Amino acid sequence: MSVVTLLTVMNFQQLRTGEYFRIPGMTSAYVYRKVNNSCCRLNGFLQPIQAQSLVKRLNAAEIKEFIAQQQAELISFETDCY
């Protein structure tokens, strides 16, 4: 019996505004957030995206890990500046 791990892949238009997602095939370091029906945010910058683009919505654990990484980088940056 084989075990198959399925990715929950959907179209960008299916996401709700504010949801975090990744683009399948991209490195896991790239985490986007839906802003509206035609734009997303990556590292604070707006990026255009097509409604039919395939995306993978992040679950709560992945979002928590992403936010922890962001906070750690900010703290590292702040301590490096002093």
Protein backbone atom coordinates (compact mmCIF):
# COMPACT_ATOMS: atom_id res chain seq x y z
CA MET A 1 0.00 0.00 0.00
CA SER A 2 1.47 3.34 -0.98
CA VAL A 3 0.90 6.62 0.81
CA VAL A 4 0.26 9.65 -1.37
CA THR A 5 0.65 13.17 -0.03
CA LEU A 6 -1.67 15.55 -1.82
CA LEU A 7 -1.01 19.25 -2.00
CA THR A 8 -4.05 21.45 -1.66
CA VAL A 9 -3.63 23.41 -4.84
CA MET A 10 -6.21 25.91 -6.00
CA ASN A 11 -6.55 28.97 -8.21
CA PHE A 12 -5.56 32.36 -6.83
CA GLN A 13 -9.14 33.58 -7.29
CA GLN A 14 -10.34 30.92 -4.82
CA LEU A 15 -8.27 32.39 -1.97
CA ARG A 16 -9.82 34.91 0.39
CA THR A 17 -8.22 38.33 0.80
CA GLY A 18 -5.55 38.18 3.51
CA GLU A 19 -4.73 34.48 3.13
CA TYR A 20 -1.09 33.36 2.93
CA PHE A 21 0.03 31.09 0.09
CA ARG A 22 2.95 29.72 -1.87
CA ILE A 23 3.29 29.08 -5.57
CA PRO A 24 3.94 25.36 -6.23
CA GLY A 25 7.44 24.73 -7.54
CA MET A 26 8.87 27.87 -5.92
CA THR A 27 11.18 27.75 -2.93
CA SER A 28 9.39 27.67 0.42
CA ALA A 29 11.04 31.00 1.32
CA TYR A 30 8.54 32.81 -0.92
CA VAL A 31 5.34 33.36 1.06
CA TYR A 32 2.71 35.60 -0.49
CA ARG A 33 -0.44 37.20 0.92
CA LYS A 34 -3.54 37.94 -1.16
CA VAL A 35 -4.34 41.67 -1.27
CA ASN A 36 -7.17 41.71 -3.80
CA ASN A 37 -8.36 39.79 -6.87
CA SER A 38 -5.36 40.78 -9.00
CA CYS A 39 -2.50 41.48 -6.55
CA CYS A 40 -0.57 39.78 -3.80
CA ARG A 41 2.14 40.96 -1.45
CA LEU A 42 5.67 39.54 -1.23
CA ASN A 43 8.11 41.11 1.24
CA GLY A 44 5.97 44.23 1.46
CA PHE A 45 5.80 44.79 -2.30
CA LEU A 46 2.66 44.41 -4.41
CA GLN A 47 2.93 41.84 -7.17
CA PRO A 48 0.40 41.34 -9.98
CA ILE A 49 -0.94 37.80 -10.32
CA GLN A 50 -3.39 36.14 -12.66
CA ALA A 51 -6.65 34.80 -11.22
CA GLN A 52 -6.04 31.33 -12.66
CA SER A 53 -2.51 31.00 -11.21
CA LEU A 54 -2.12 27.85 -9.15
CA VAL A 55 -1.34 28.44 -5.46
CA LYS A 56 -1.08 26.41 -2.26
CA ARG A 57 -2.82 27.95 0.75
CA LEU A 58 -0.74 27.79 3.93
CA ASN A 59 -2.17 26.09 6.99
CA ALA A 60 -1.97 27.53 10.52
CA ALA A 61 1.32 25.76 11.36
CA GLU A 62 3.00 27.04 8.18
CA ILE A 63 1.81 30.59 8.84
CA LYS A 64 3.08 30.42 12.43
CA GLU A 65 6.49 29.19 11.21
CA PHE A 66 6.66 31.96 8.56
CA ILE A 67 5.84 34.70 11.10
CA ALA A 68 8.41 33.30 13.56
CA GLN A 69 11.06 33.42 10.81
CA GLN A 70 10.14 37.01 9.97
CA GLN A 71 10.40 38.04 13.64
CA ALA A 72 13.75 36.29 14.04
CA GLU A 73 15.12 38.08 10.97
CA LEU A 74 13.88 41.43 12.29
CA ILE A 75 15.50 40.86 15.70
CA SER A 76 18.74 39.79 13.98
CA PHE A 77 18.65 42.91 11.81
CA GLU A 78 18.02 45.17 14.82
CA THR A 79 20.89 43.67 16.84
CA ASP A 80 23.27 43.89 13.85
CA CYS A 81 22.61 47.62 13.55
CA TYR A 82 23.77 48.44 17.09
